[in-house]
Every structure is written in C-alpha cells, then in structure tokens.
Amino acid sequence: MSDNPTLDVRKSNAVAWWIAAAIAIVAVVGAVALLSGARPSLAGAQAGRDQGRAEARIGDPAPGARLADTQVAKVAQAAAASHARATEAAARTGALSADATAQDASANEPAPR
C-alpha cells in the first residue's frame, strides 16, 4: 500500500469497475444466447395453445359449480314445497281431530240439572 490513501481508493474503484464490466459482458452474452435459441414452430405453438385450453377447461370449476348450484336450488325448492304440503296436511288433520273431539265431548256431556 502506498502512503497516499487517495491512490488506494482509486485502485479499489478501478478493480470494482473491471469486475462490473466482466459481469455485464457475461450477462449480455447469456442474454444473446437465450434470445437467439430455437424458435417454436407453428405446430408447436398451436399444440401449446390447445393444451392450455384443455387444461383451462379441466381446471375451471365454474361450469360444474353452476350446474351443482342449480341442482341444489331445485332440490331445496322441492323440499320446501314438500314440507309446506306436509305442514298443511298436518294442520288439516289436527283441525279435523279437534272437531271430532269437540263433537264427542258435547255428545258425552251430561244434561244440565
């Protein structure tokens, strides 16, 4: 090392610049090598698009989910209608039973004294 600290800083800066330049050159050479590689053929590109579409159809749960939602809604609607009919029938049966009980009670009631 020299007695002049400024000279040492300049030497270390020069080394850093040389390292940076070497890295930049390697990066440019690598980019050129990657970009100048084989281009896909038209058939290969079409096959890739077809495969992507097929995977999208398989992976898209929306159509199946919509169909399932529609079926669930129909089943729920049918169940609600069935429950309403059963409730109405039970209410009619209860009313008839109450009328029959009232008639029996009035027929079995002792005469007033």
Foldseek 3Di string as FASTA:
>chain_A
DDPDVVVVVVVVVVVVVVVVVVVVVVVVVVVVVVVPDDDDDPVRVVVVVVVVVVVCVVPDCVVVVVVVVVVVVVVVVVVVVVVVVVVVVVVVVVVVVVVVVVVVCVVPPDDDD
